[in-house]
PDB file of N, CA and C in Angstrom:
ATOM      1  N   MET A   1     -35.225  18.377  -5.349  1.00  0.00           N
ATOM      2  CA  MET A   1     -36.067  17.489  -6.421  1.00  0.00           C
ATOM      3  C   MET A   1     -34.978  16.626  -7.142  1.00  0.00           C
ATOM      4  N   GLN A   2     -33.866  16.242  -6.774  1.00  0.00           N
ATOM      5  CA  GLN A   2     -32.865  15.506  -7.733  1.00  0.00           C
ATOM      6  C   GLN A   2     -33.465  14.092  -7.692  1.00  0.00           C
ATOM      7  N   SER A   3     -34.195  13.705  -7.255  1.00  0.00           N
ATOM      8  CA  SER A   3     -34.595  12.252  -7.523  1.00  0.00           C
ATOM      9  C   SER A   3     -35.906  12.273  -8.239  1.00  0.00           C
ATOM     10  N   PHE A   4     -36.420  13.489  -8.831  1.00  0.00           N
ATOM     11  CA  PHE A   4     -37.695  13.393  -9.623  1.00  0.00           C
ATOM     12  C   PHE A   4     -37.052  13.735 -10.929  1.00  0.00           C
ATOM     13  N   ILE A   5     -37.426  12.640 -11.839  1.00  0.00           N
ATOM     14  CA  ILE A   5     -37.006  12.516 -13.130  1.00  0.00           C
ATOM     15  C   ILE A   5     -38.395  12.466 -13.986  1.00  0.00           C
ATOM     16  N   PHE A   6     -38.791  13.614 -14.781  1.00  0.00           N
ATOM     17  CA  PHE A   6     -39.775  14.009 -15.611  1.00  0.00           C
ATOM     18  C   PHE A   6     -40.233  12.796 -16.393  1.00  0.00           C
ATOM     19  N   ASN A   7     -39.041  12.385 -17.287  1.00  0.00           N
ATOM     20  CA  ASN A   7     -39.289  11.357 -18.284  1.00  0.00           C
ATOM     21  C   ASN A   7     -39.649   9.951 -17.672  1.00  0.00           C
ATOM     22  N   ASP A   8     -39.271   9.762 -16.282  1.00  0.00           N
ATOM     23  CA  ASP A   8     -39.623   8.469 -15.544  1.00  0.00           C
ATOM     24  C   ASP A   8     -41.075   8.579 -15.169  1.00  0.00           C
ATOM     25  N   ALA A   9     -41.661   9.595 -14.875  1.00  0.00           N
ATOM     26  CA  ALA A   9     -43.151   9.732 -14.324  1.00  0.00           C
ATOM     27  C   ALA A   9     -43.617   9.823 -15.584  1.00  0.00           C
ATOM     28  N   ILE A  10     -43.504  10.400 -16.642  1.00  0.00           N
ATOM     29  CA  ILE A  10     -44.276  10.074 -18.048  1.00  0.00           C
ATOM     30  C   ILE A  10     -44.490   8.468 -18.495  1.00  0.00           C
ATOM     31  N   ARG A  11     -43.210   8.061 -18.316  1.00  0.00           N
ATOM     32  CA  ARG A  11     -43.326   6.771 -18.732  1.00  0.00           C
ATOM     33  C   ARG A  11     -43.660   5.529 -17.678  1.00  0.00           C
ATOM     34  N   PHE A  12     -43.896   6.065 -16.489  1.00  0.00           N
ATOM     35  CA  PHE A  12     -44.261   5.270 -15.411  1.00  0.00           C
ATOM     36  C   PHE A  12     -43.226   4.241 -15.161  1.00  0.00           C
ATOM     37  N   ARG A  13     -42.062   4.424 -15.128  1.00  0.00           N
ATOM     38  CA  ARG A  13     -40.739   3.729 -15.140  1.00  0.00           C
ATOM     39  C   ARG A  13     -40.817   3.064 -13.792  1.00  0.00           C
ATOM     40  N   LEU A  14     -40.851   3.992 -12.689  1.00  0.00           N
ATOM     41  CA  LEU A  14     -40.877   3.831 -11.224  1.00  0.00           C
ATOM     42  C   LEU A  14     -41.987   2.699 -10.964  1.00  0.00           C
ATOM     43  N   ALA A  15     -43.174   2.948 -11.425  1.00  0.00           N
ATOM     44  CA  ALA A  15     -44.188   1.982 -11.073  1.00  0.00           C
ATOM     45  C   ALA A  15     -44.274   0.952 -11.935  1.00  0.00           C
ATOM     46  N   THR A  16     -43.713   0.644 -12.891  1.00  0.00           N
ATOM     47  CA  THR A  16     -43.662  -0.554 -13.590  1.00  0.00           C
ATOM     48  C   THR A  16     -42.448  -1.359 -13.282  1.00  0.00           C
ATOM     49  N   GLN A  17     -41.358  -0.908 -12.591  1.00  0.00           N
ATOM     50  CA  GLN A  17     -40.424  -1.647 -12.126  1.00  0.00           C
ATOM     51  C   GLN A  17     -40.662  -2.769 -11.161  1.00  0.00           C
ATOM     52  N   ARG A  18     -40.157  -4.165 -11.379  1.00  0.00           N
ATOM     53  CA  ARG A  18     -40.447  -5.085 -10.558  1.00  0.00           C
ATOM     54  C   ARG A  18     -40.111  -5.275  -9.422  1.00  0.00           C
ATOM     55  N   GLU A  19     -39.073  -4.319  -8.724  1.00  0.00           N
ATOM     56  CA  GLU A  19     -38.706  -4.272  -7.345  1.00  0.00           C
ATOM     57  C   GLU A  19     -39.872  -4.026  -6.267  1.00  0.00           C
ATOM     58  N   ASP A  20     -40.151  -4.697  -5.513  1.00  0.00           N
ATOM     59  CA  ASP A  20     -41.036  -4.593  -4.289  1.00  0.00           C
ATOM     60  C   ASP A  20     -42.072  -3.859  -4.809  1.00  0.00           C
ATOM     61  N   THR A  21     -43.085  -4.536  -5.612  1.00  0.00           N
ATOM     62  CA  THR A  21     -44.233  -3.938  -6.063  1.00  0.00           C
ATOM     63  C   THR A  21     -45.350  -3.863  -4.900  1.00  0.00           C
ATOM     64  N   GLY A  22     -45.419  -4.549  -3.830  1.00  0.00           N
ATOM     65  CA  GLY A  22     -46.320  -4.364  -2.901  1.00  0.00           C
ATOM     66  C   GLY A  22     -45.967  -2.956  -2.118  1.00  0.00           C
ATOM     67  N   ALA A  23     -44.755  -2.730  -1.694  1.00  0.00           N
ATOM     68  CA  ALA A  23     -44.430  -1.622  -1.041  1.00  0.00           C
ATOM     69  C   ALA A  23     -44.690  -0.284  -2.144  1.00  0.00           C
ATOM     70  N   LYS A  24     -44.458  -0.410  -3.571  1.00  0.00           N
ATOM     71  CA  LYS A  24     -44.655   0.811  -4.189  1.00  0.00           C
ATOM     72  C   LYS A  24     -46.402   0.945  -4.454  1.00  0.00           C
ATOM     73  N   ILE A  25     -47.170  -0.079  -4.345  1.00  0.00           N
ATOM     74  CA  ILE A  25     -48.716  -0.030  -4.233  1.00  0.00           C
ATOM     75  C   ILE A  25     -48.914   0.642  -2.934  1.00  0.00           C
ATOM     76  N   GLN A  26     -48.463   0.294  -1.836  1.00  0.00           N
ATOM     77  CA  GLN A  26     -48.623   0.897  -0.368  1.00  0.00           C
ATOM     78  C   GLN A  26     -48.241   2.474  -0.629  1.00  0.00           C
ATOM     79  N   VAL A  27     -47.127   2.757  -1.222  1.00  0.00           N
ATOM     80  CA  VAL A  27     -46.951   4.150  -1.041  1.00  0.00           C
ATOM     81  C   VAL A  27     -47.680   5.151  -2.179  1.00  0.00           C
ATOM     82  N   PHE A  28     -48.045   4.300  -3.256  1.00  0.00           N
ATOM     83  CA  PHE A  28     -49.165   5.026  -4.256  1.00  0.00           C
ATOM     84  C   PHE A  28     -50.327   5.276  -3.611  1.00  0.00           C
ATOM     85  N   LEU A  29     -50.772   4.172  -2.710  1.00  0.00           N
ATOM     86  CA  LEU A  29     -52.413   4.403  -2.201  1.00  0.00           C
ATOM     87  C   LEU A  29     -52.221   5.270  -1.277  1.00  0.00           C
ATOM     88  N   GLY A  30     -51.221   5.486  -0.455  1.00  0.00           N
ATOM     89  CA  GLY A  30     -51.001   6.161   0.738  1.00  0.00           C
ATOM     90  C   GLY A  30     -51.121   7.643   0.343  1.00  0.00           C
ATOM     91  N   VAL A  31     -50.271   7.956  -0.622  1.00  0.00           N
ATOM     92  CA  VAL A  31     -50.496   9.369  -1.307  1.00  0.00           C
ATOM     93  C   VAL A  31     -51.587   9.610  -1.801  1.00  0.00           C
ATOM     94  N   LEU A  32     -52.553   8.753  -2.599  1.00  0.00           N
ATOM     95  CA  LEU A  32     -53.619   8.824  -3.147  1.00  0.00           C
ATOM     96  C   LEU A  32     -54.886   9.245  -1.938  1.00  0.00           C
ATOM     97  N   VAL A  33     -54.711   8.114  -0.996  1.00  0.00           N
ATOM     98  CA  VAL A  33     -55.592   8.559   0.165  1.00  0.00           C
ATOM     99  C   VAL A  33     -55.507   9.897   0.954  1.00  0.00           C
ATOM    100  N   GLY A  34     -54.196  10.252   1.018  1.00  0.00           N
ATOM    101  CA  GLY A  34     -53.923  11.359   1.721  1.00  0.00           C
ATOM    102  C   GLY A  34     -54.403  12.564   1.022  1.00  0.00           C
ATOM    103  N   VAL A  35     -54.203  12.787  -0.525  1.00  0.00           N
ATOM    104  CA  VAL A  35     -54.812  13.794  -1.233  1.00  0.00           C
ATOM    105  C   VAL A  35     -56.287  13.914  -1.203  1.00  0.00           C
ATOM    106  N   LEU A  36     -56.951  12.517  -1.221  1.00  0.00           N
ATOM    107  CA  LEU A  36     -58.337  12.690  -1.153  1.00  0.00           C
ATOM    108  C   LEU A  36     -59.060  12.893   0.287  1.00  0.00           C
ATOM    109  N   LEU A  37     -58.160  12.476   1.281  1.00  0.00           N
ATOM    110  CA  LEU A  37     -58.816  12.687   2.550  1.00  0.00           C
ATOM    111  C   LEU A  37     -58.725  14.065   2.999  1.00  0.00           C
ATOM    112  N   ARG A  38     -57.608  14.670   2.481  1.00  0.00           N
ATOM    113  CA  ARG A  38     -57.689  16.342   2.898  1.00  0.00           C
ATOM    114  C   ARG A  38     -58.796  17.025   2.109  1.00  0.00           C
ATOM    115  N   TRP A  39     -58.970  16.602   0.941  1.00  0.00           N
ATOM    116  CA  TRP A  39     -59.826  17.363   0.362  1.00  0.00           C
ATOM    117  C   TRP A  39     -61.217  17.109   0.734  1.00  0.00           C
ATOM    118  N   ILE A  40     -61.601  15.843   1.209  1.00  0.00           N
ATOM    119  CA  ILE A  40     -62.839  15.572   1.919  1.00  0.00           C
ATOM    120  C   ILE A  40     -63.122  16.249   3.259  1.00  0.00           C
ATOM    121  N   ILE A  41     -61.824  16.298   4.337  1.00  0.00           N
ATOM    122  CA  ILE A  41     -62.120  16.780   5.439  1.00  0.00           C
ATOM    123  C   ILE A  41     -62.215  18.460   5.202  1.00  0.00           C
ATOM    124  N   VAL A  42     -61.423  18.883   4.520  1.00  0.00           N
ATOM    125  CA  VAL A  42     -61.411  20.541   4.266  1.00  0.00           C
ATOM    126  C   VAL A  42     -62.330  20.843   3.662  1.00  0.00           C
ATOM    127  N   ASP A  43     -62.577  20.482   2.529  1.00  0.00           N
ATOM    128  CA  ASP A  43     -63.393  21.170   1.515  1.00  0.00           C
ATOM    129  C   ASP A  43     -65.057  20.919   1.831  1.00  0.00           C
ATOM    130  N   VAL A  44     -65.239  19.518   1.934  1.00  0.00           N
ATOM    131  CA  VAL A  44     -66.449  18.905   2.179  1.00  0.00           C
ATOM    132  C   VAL A  44     -67.162  19.302   3.429  1.00  0.00           C
ATOM    133  N   ILE A  45     -66.447  18.458   4.535  1.00  0.00           N
ATOM    134  CA  ILE A  45     -66.708  18.831   5.925  1.00  0.00           C
ATOM    135  C   ILE A  45     -66.691  19.950   6.468  1.00  0.00           C
ATOM    136  N   LYS A  46     -65.380  20.597   6.667  1.00  0.00           N
ATOM    137  CA  LYS A  46     -65.057  21.670   7.384  1.00  0.00           C
ATOM    138  C   LYS A  46     -65.796  23.021   6.608  1.00  0.00           C
ATOM    139  N   ASN A  47     -65.288  23.569   5.327  1.00  0.00           N
ATOM    140  CA  ASN A  47     -65.938  24.287   4.595  1.00  0.00           C
ATOM    141  C   ASN A  47     -67.331  24.309   4.002  1.00  0.00           C
ATOM    142  N   GLN A  48     -67.877  23.038   3.970  1.00  0.00           N
ATOM    143  CA  GLN A  48     -69.301  22.547   3.447  1.00  0.00           C
ATOM    144  C   GLN A  48     -69.462  23.329   2.004  1.00  0.00           C
ATOM    145  N   VAL A  49     -68.495  22.915   1.117  1.00  0.00           N
ATOM    146  CA  VAL A  49     -68.318  23.492  -0.376  1.00  0.00           C
ATOM    147  C   VAL A  49     -69.437  22.455  -1.038  1.00  0.00           C
ATOM    148  N   PRO A  50     -70.425  23.033  -1.678  1.00  0.00           N
ATOM    149  CA  PRO A  50     -71.147  22.212  -2.433  1.00  0.00           C
ATOM    150  C   PRO A  50     -70.511  21.456  -3.622  1.00  0.00           C
ATOM    151  N   GLN A  51     -70.795  20.171  -3.420  1.00  0.00           N
ATOM    152  CA  GLN A  51     -70.111  19.373  -4.357  1.00  0.00           C
ATOM    153  C   GLN A  51     -71.157  18.897  -5.643  1.00  0.00           C
ATOM    154  N   MET A  52     -70.743  19.133  -6.833  1.00  0.00           N
ATOM    155  CA  MET A  52     -71.366  18.651  -7.794  1.00  0.00           C
ATOM    156  C   MET A  52     -70.564  17.390  -8.533  1.00  0.00           C
ATOM    157  N   PHE A  53     -71.202  16.389  -9.293  1.00  0.00           N
ATOM    158  CA  PHE A  53     -70.829  15.253  -9.793  1.00  0.00           C
ATOM    159  C   PHE A  53     -69.574  15.646 -10.736  1.00  0.00           C
ATOM    160  N   ALA A  54     -69.436  16.671 -11.403  1.00  0.00           N
ATOM    161  CA  ALA A  54     -68.401  17.195 -12.184  1.00  0.00           C
ATOM    162  C   ALA A  54     -67.056  17.607 -11.246  1.00  0.00           C
ATOM    163  N   VAL A  55     -67.648  18.097 -10.087  1.00  0.00           N
ATOM    164  CA  VAL A  55     -66.408  18.572  -9.166  1.00  0.00           C
ATOM    165  C   VAL A  55     -65.756  17.288  -8.852  1.00  0.00           C
ATOM    166  N   ILE A  56     -66.511  16.278  -8.348  1.00  0.00           N
ATOM    167  CA  ILE A  56     -66.047  15.125  -7.772  1.00  0.00           C
ATOM    168  C   ILE A  56     -65.443  14.408  -8.738  1.00  0.00           C
ATOM    169  N   VAL A  57     -65.667  14.024  -9.628  1.00  0.00           N
ATOM    170  CA  VAL A  57     -64.813  13.416 -10.883  1.00  0.00           C
ATOM    171  C   VAL A  57     -63.584  14.123 -11.101  1.00  0.00           C
ATOM    172  N   ALA A  58     -63.656  15.467 -11.446  1.00  0.00           N
ATOM    173  CA  ALA A  58     -62.421  16.272 -11.735  1.00  0.00           C
ATOM    174  C   ALA A  58     -61.543  16.273 -10.382  1.00  0.00           C
ATOM    175  N   ARG A  59     -61.812  16.143  -9.150  1.00  0.00           N
ATOM    176  CA  ARG A  59     -60.943  16.034  -7.895  1.00  0.00           C
ATOM    177  C   ARG A  59     -60.488  14.671  -8.026  1.00  0.00           C
ATOM    178  N   ILE A  60     -61.050  13.551  -8.349  1.00  0.00           N
ATOM    179  CA  ILE A  60     -60.486  12.269  -8.453  1.00  0.00           C
ATOM    180  C   ILE A  60     -59.292  12.212  -9.491  1.00  0.00           C
ATOM    181  N   VAL A  61     -59.757  12.575 -10.812  1.00  0.00           N
ATOM    182  CA  VAL A  61     -58.735  12.756 -11.812  1.00  0.00           C
ATOM    183  C   VAL A  61     -57.592  13.302 -11.363  1.00  0.00           C
ATOM    184  N   ILE A  62     -57.593  14.594 -10.908  1.00  0.00           N
ATOM    185  CA  ILE A  62     -56.625  15.419 -10.448  1.00  0.00           C
ATOM    186  C   ILE A  62     -55.617  14.769  -9.473  1.00  0.00           C
ATOM    187  N   ALA A  63     -56.482  14.036  -8.671  1.00  0.00           N
ATOM    188  CA  ALA A  63     -55.998  13.373  -7.459  1.00  0.00           C
ATOM    189  C   ALA A  63     -55.037  12.322  -7.946  1.00  0.00           C
ATOM    190  N   LEU A  64     -55.461  11.602  -8.909  1.00  0.00           N
ATOM    191  CA  LEU A  64     -54.550  10.455  -9.607  1.00  0.00           C
ATOM    192  C   LEU A  64     -53.403  10.790 -10.403  1.00  0.00           C
ATOM    193  N   ILE A  65     -53.651  11.965 -10.998  1.00  0.00           N
ATOM    194  CA  ILE A  65     -52.712  12.719 -11.806  1.00  0.00           C
ATOM    195  C   ILE A  65     -51.515  13.195 -10.767  1.00  0.00           C
ATOM    196  N   VAL A  66     -51.753  13.865  -9.898  1.00  0.00           N
ATOM    197  CA  VAL A  66     -50.838  14.392  -9.064  1.00  0.00           C
ATOM    198  C   VAL A  66     -50.024  13.122  -8.196  1.00  0.00           C
ATOM    199  N   THR A  67     -50.878  12.361  -7.861  1.00  0.00           N
ATOM    200  CA  THR A  67     -49.990  10.997  -7.067  1.00  0.00           C
ATOM    201  C   THR A  67     -49.168  10.403  -7.965  1.00  0.00           C
ATOM    202  N   ILE A  68     -49.429  10.340  -9.560  1.00  0.00           N
ATOM    203  CA  ILE A  68     -48.489   9.812 -10.486  1.00  0.00           C
ATOM    204  C   ILE A  68     -47.214  10.465 -10.393  1.00  0.00           C
ATOM    205  N   PHE A  69     -47.400  11.761 -10.419  1.00  0.00           N
ATOM    206  CA  PHE A  69     -46.244  12.568 -10.724  1.00  0.00           C
ATOM    207  C   PHE A  69     -45.553  12.721  -9.155  1.00  0.00           C
ATOM    208  N   VAL A  70     -45.949  12.958  -8.071  1.00  0.00           N
ATOM    209  CA  VAL A  70     -45.409  12.793  -6.781  1.00  0.00           C
ATOM    210  C   VAL A  70     -44.895  11.247  -6.502  1.00  0.00           C
ATOM    211  N   PHE A  71     -45.341  10.560  -6.809  1.00  0.00           N
ATOM    212  CA  PHE A  71     -44.971   9.013  -6.476  1.00  0.00           C
ATOM    213  C   PHE A  71     -43.792   8.724  -7.107  1.00  0.00           C
ATOM    214  N   SER A  72     -43.462   9.338  -8.457  1.00  0.00           N
ATOM    215  CA  SER A  72     -42.166   9.136  -9.075  1.00  0.00           C
ATOM    216  C   SER A  72     -40.878   9.648  -8.284  1.00  0.00           C
ATOM    217  N   GLY A  73     -41.081  10.773  -7.548  1.00  0.00           N
ATOM    218  CA  GLY A  73     -40.080  11.303  -7.099  1.00  0.00           C
ATOM    219  C   GLY A  73     -40.061  11.081  -5.398  1.00  0.00           C
ATOM    220  N   TYR A  74     -41.296  10.658  -4.673  1.00  0.00           N
ATOM    221  CA  TYR A  74     -41.425  10.288  -3.407  1.00  0.00           C
ATOM    222  C   TYR A  74     -40.825   8.673  -3.336  1.00  0.00           C
ATOM    223  N   TRP A  75     -41.053   8.079  -4.095  1.00  0.00           N
ATOM    224  CA  TRP A  75     -40.715   6.738  -3.935  1.00  0.00           C
ATOM    225  C   TRP A  75     -39.322   6.327  -3.316  1.00  0.00           C
ATOM    226  N   GLN A  76     -38.216   7.101  -4.077  1.00  0.00           N
ATOM    227  CA  GLN A  76     -37.085   6.891  -3.685  1.00  0.00           C
ATOM    228  C   GLN A  76     -36.610   7.262  -2.279  1.00  0.00           C
ATOM    229  N   LYS A  77     -37.372   8.201  -1.654  1.00  0.00           N
ATOM    230  CA  LYS A  77     -37.008   8.516  -0.282  1.00  0.00           C
ATOM    231  C   LYS A  77     -37.621   7.763   0.711  1.00  0.00           C
ATOM    232  N   VAL A  78     -38.692   6.990   0.391  1.00  0.00           N
ATOM    233  CA  VAL A  78     -39.213   6.041   1.456  1.00  0.00           C
ATOM    234  C   VAL A  78     -39.049   4.596   1.182  1.00  0.00           C
ATOM    235  N   LYS A  79     -38.586   3.993   0.172  1.00  0.00           N
ATOM    236  CA  LYS A  79     -38.216   2.663  -0.197  1.00  0.00           C
ATOM    237  C   LYS A  79     -37.636   1.788   0.989  1.00  0.00           C
ATOM    238  N   ASP A  80     -36.880   2.641   1.805  1.00  0.00           N
ATOM    239  CA  ASP A  80     -35.894   1.862   2.634  1.00  0.00           C
ATOM    240  C   ASP A  80     -36.699   1.914   4.252  1.00  0.00           C
ATOM    241  N   GLN A  81     -38.026   2.304   4.364  1.00  0.00           N
ATOM    242  CA  GLN A  81     -38.378   2.705   5.586  1.00  0.00           C
ATOM    243  C   GLN A  81     -39.286   1.327   5.795  1.00  0.00           C
ATOM    244  N   PRO A  82     -39.716   1.122   7.294  1.00  0.00           N
ATOM    245  CA  PRO A  82     -40.392  -0.036   7.494  1.00  0.00           C
ATOM    246  C   PRO A  82     -41.809   0.283   6.867  1.00  0.00           C
ATOM    247  N   ALA A  83     -42.600  -0.940   6.646  1.00  0.00           N
ATOM    248  CA  ALA A  83     -43.851  -0.656   5.941  1.00  0.00           C
ATOM    249  C   ALA A  83     -45.010   0.183   6.519  1.00  0.00           C
ATOM    250  N   GLY A  84     -44.868   0.233   7.903  1.00  0.00           N
ATOM    251  CA  GLY A  84     -46.150   0.927   8.569  1.00  0.00           C
ATOM    252  C   GLY A  84     -45.816   2.552   8.378  1.00  0.00           C
ATOM    253  N   MET A  85     -44.352   2.842   8.871  1.00  0.00           N
ATOM    254  CA  MET A  85     -44.087   4.264   8.524  1.00  0.00           C
ATOM    255  C   MET A  85     -44.034   4.699   6.996  1.00  0.00           C
ATOM    256  N   ARG A  86     -43.916   3.689   6.199  1.00  0.00           N
ATOM    257  CA  ARG A  86     -43.995   4.410   4.706  1.00  0.00           C
ATOM    258  C   ARG A  86     -45.182   4.445   4.473  1.00  0.00           C
ATOM    259  N   PHE A  87     -46.223   4.001   4.740  1.00  0.00           N
ATOM    260  CA  PHE A  87     -47.612   4.033   4.420  1.00  0.00           C
ATOM    261  C   PHE A  87     -48.130   5.276   5.171  1.00  0.00           C
ATOM    262  N   LEU A  88     -47.858   5.601   6.745  1.00  0.00           N
ATOM    263  CA  LEU A  88     -48.045   7.012   7.377  1.00  0.00           C
ATOM    264  C   LEU A  88     -47.282   8.110   6.366  1.00  0.00           C
ATOM    265  N   ASN A  89     -46.006   7.891   6.082  1.00  0.00           N
ATOM    266  CA  ASN A  89     -45.530   9.137   5.662  1.00  0.00           C
ATOM    267  C   ASN A  89     -46.067   9.352   4.303  1.00  0.00           C
ATOM    268  N   ALA A  90     -46.608   8.473   3.375  1.00  0.00           N
ATOM    269  CA  ALA A  90     -47.008   8.556   2.151  1.00  0.00           C
ATOM    270  C   ALA A  90     -48.405   9.149   2.415  1.00  0.00           C
ATOM    271  N   LEU A  91     -49.132   8.747   3.431  1.00  0.00           N
ATOM    272  CA  LEU A  91     -50.456   9.497   3.692  1.00  0.00           C
ATOM    273  C   LEU A  91     -50.270  10.938   4.173  1.00  0.00           C
ATOM    274  N   VAL A  92     -49.470  11.279   4.905  1.00  0.00           N
ATOM    275  CA  VAL A  92     -49.135  12.897   5.162  1.00  0.00           C
ATOM    276  C   VAL A  92     -48.617  13.519   3.993  1.00  0.00           C
ATOM    277  N   TYR A  93     -47.915  12.905   3.281  1.00  0.00           N
ATOM    278  CA  TYR A  93     -47.232  13.731   2.135  1.00  0.00           C
ATOM    279  C   TYR A  93     -48.457  13.974   1.205  1.00  0.00           C
ATOM    280  N   GLY A  94     -49.230  12.991   0.981  1.00  0.00           N
ATOM    281  CA  GLY A  94     -50.661  13.181   0.150  1.00  0.00           C
ATOM    282  C   GLY A  94     -51.412  14.369   0.776  1.00  0.00           C
ATOM    283  N   VAL A  95     -51.609  14.473   1.952  1.00  0.00           N
ATOM    284  CA  VAL A  95     -52.319  15.416   2.556  1.00  0.00           C
ATOM    285  C   VAL A  95     -51.688  16.690   2.210  1.00  0.00           C
ATOM    286  N   SER A  96     -50.290  16.861   2.328  1.00  0.00           N
ATOM    287  CA  SER A  96     -49.423  18.179   2.164  1.00  0.00           C
ATOM    288  C   SER A  96     -49.415  18.499   0.761  1.00  0.00           C
ATOM    289  N   ILE A  97     -49.444  17.487  -0.320  1.00  0.00           N
ATOM    290  CA  ILE A  97     -49.581  17.925  -1.662  1.00  0.00           C
ATOM    291  C   ILE A  97     -50.752  18.323  -2.051  1.00  0.00           C
ATOM    292  N   ASP A  98     -51.785  18.038  -1.533  1.00  0.00           N
ATOM    293  CA  ASP A  98     -53.483  18.397  -1.709  1.00  0.00           C
ATOM    294  C   ASP A  98     -53.409  19.837  -1.395  1.00  0.00           C
ATOM    295  N   ALA A  99     -52.725  20.211  -0.295  1.00  0.00           N
ATOM    296  CA  ALA A  99     -52.779  21.551   0.524  1.00  0.00           C
ATOM    297  C   ALA A  99     -51.961  22.547  -0.666  1.00  0.00           C
ATOM    298  N   LEU A 100     -51.136  21.947  -1.498  1.00  0.00           N
ATOM    299  CA  LEU A 100     -50.481  22.650  -2.389  1.00  0.00           C
ATOM    300  C   LEU A 100     -51.315  22.874  -3.598  1.00  0.00           C
ATOM    301  N   VAL A 101     -51.725  21.800  -4.042  1.00  0.00           N
ATOM    302  CA  VAL A 101     -52.355  21.654  -5.398  1.00  0.00           C
ATOM    303  C   VAL A 101     -54.008  22.315  -5.174  1.00  0.00           C
ATOM    304  N   GLY A 102     -54.594  21.967  -4.183  1.00  0.00           N
ATOM    305  CA  GLY A 102     -56.118  22.170  -3.880  1.00  0.00           C
ATOM    306  C   GLY A 102     -56.396  23.637  -4.536  1.00  0.00           C
ATOM    307  N   PRO A 103     -55.860  24.584  -3.720  1.00  0.00           N
ATOM    308  CA  PRO A 103     -56.354  26.088  -4.108  1.00  0.00           C
ATOM    309  C   PRO A 103     -56.098  26.268  -5.592  1.00  0.00           C
ATOM    310  N   TRP A 104     -55.498  25.602  -6.578  1.00  0.00           N
ATOM    311  CA  TRP A 104     -55.542  25.618  -7.806  1.00  0.00           C
ATOM    312  C   TRP A 104     -56.853  25.159  -8.475  1.00  0.00           C
ATOM    313  N   MET A 105     -57.524  24.500  -7.700  1.00  0.00           N
ATOM    314  CA  MET A 105     -59.130  23.757  -8.289  1.00  0.00           C
ATOM    315  C   MET A 105     -59.789  25.110  -8.287  1.00  0.00           C
ATOM    316  N   TYR A 106     -59.837  25.993  -7.699  1.00  0.00           N
ATOM    317  CA  TYR A 106     -60.967  27.109  -7.494  1.00  0.00           C
ATOM    318  C   TYR A 106     -60.639  28.539  -8.144  1.00  0.00           C
TER     319      TYR A 106
END
């Protein structure tokens, strides 16, 4: 985790730098969609866990927080990849991050 810098994540330095903003948005949305997609597929569809409004809001907020922190370290690893691969890798990375963070929700 040499590329993760906690102060950069707090200050959103990597997200606010001007270099290749479109690619950063693509990676951010890929990770966010991956986190939410795994939650929907595993908890809602497969396990049929009843979802209340408070749980849905909490999961979305946690997904955003996790995505912000993950993005700051993950962007450095995928910034040189082609656009299609970058999004797919970010999506898969989001799914794997939710697999790690998801069990802490219950």
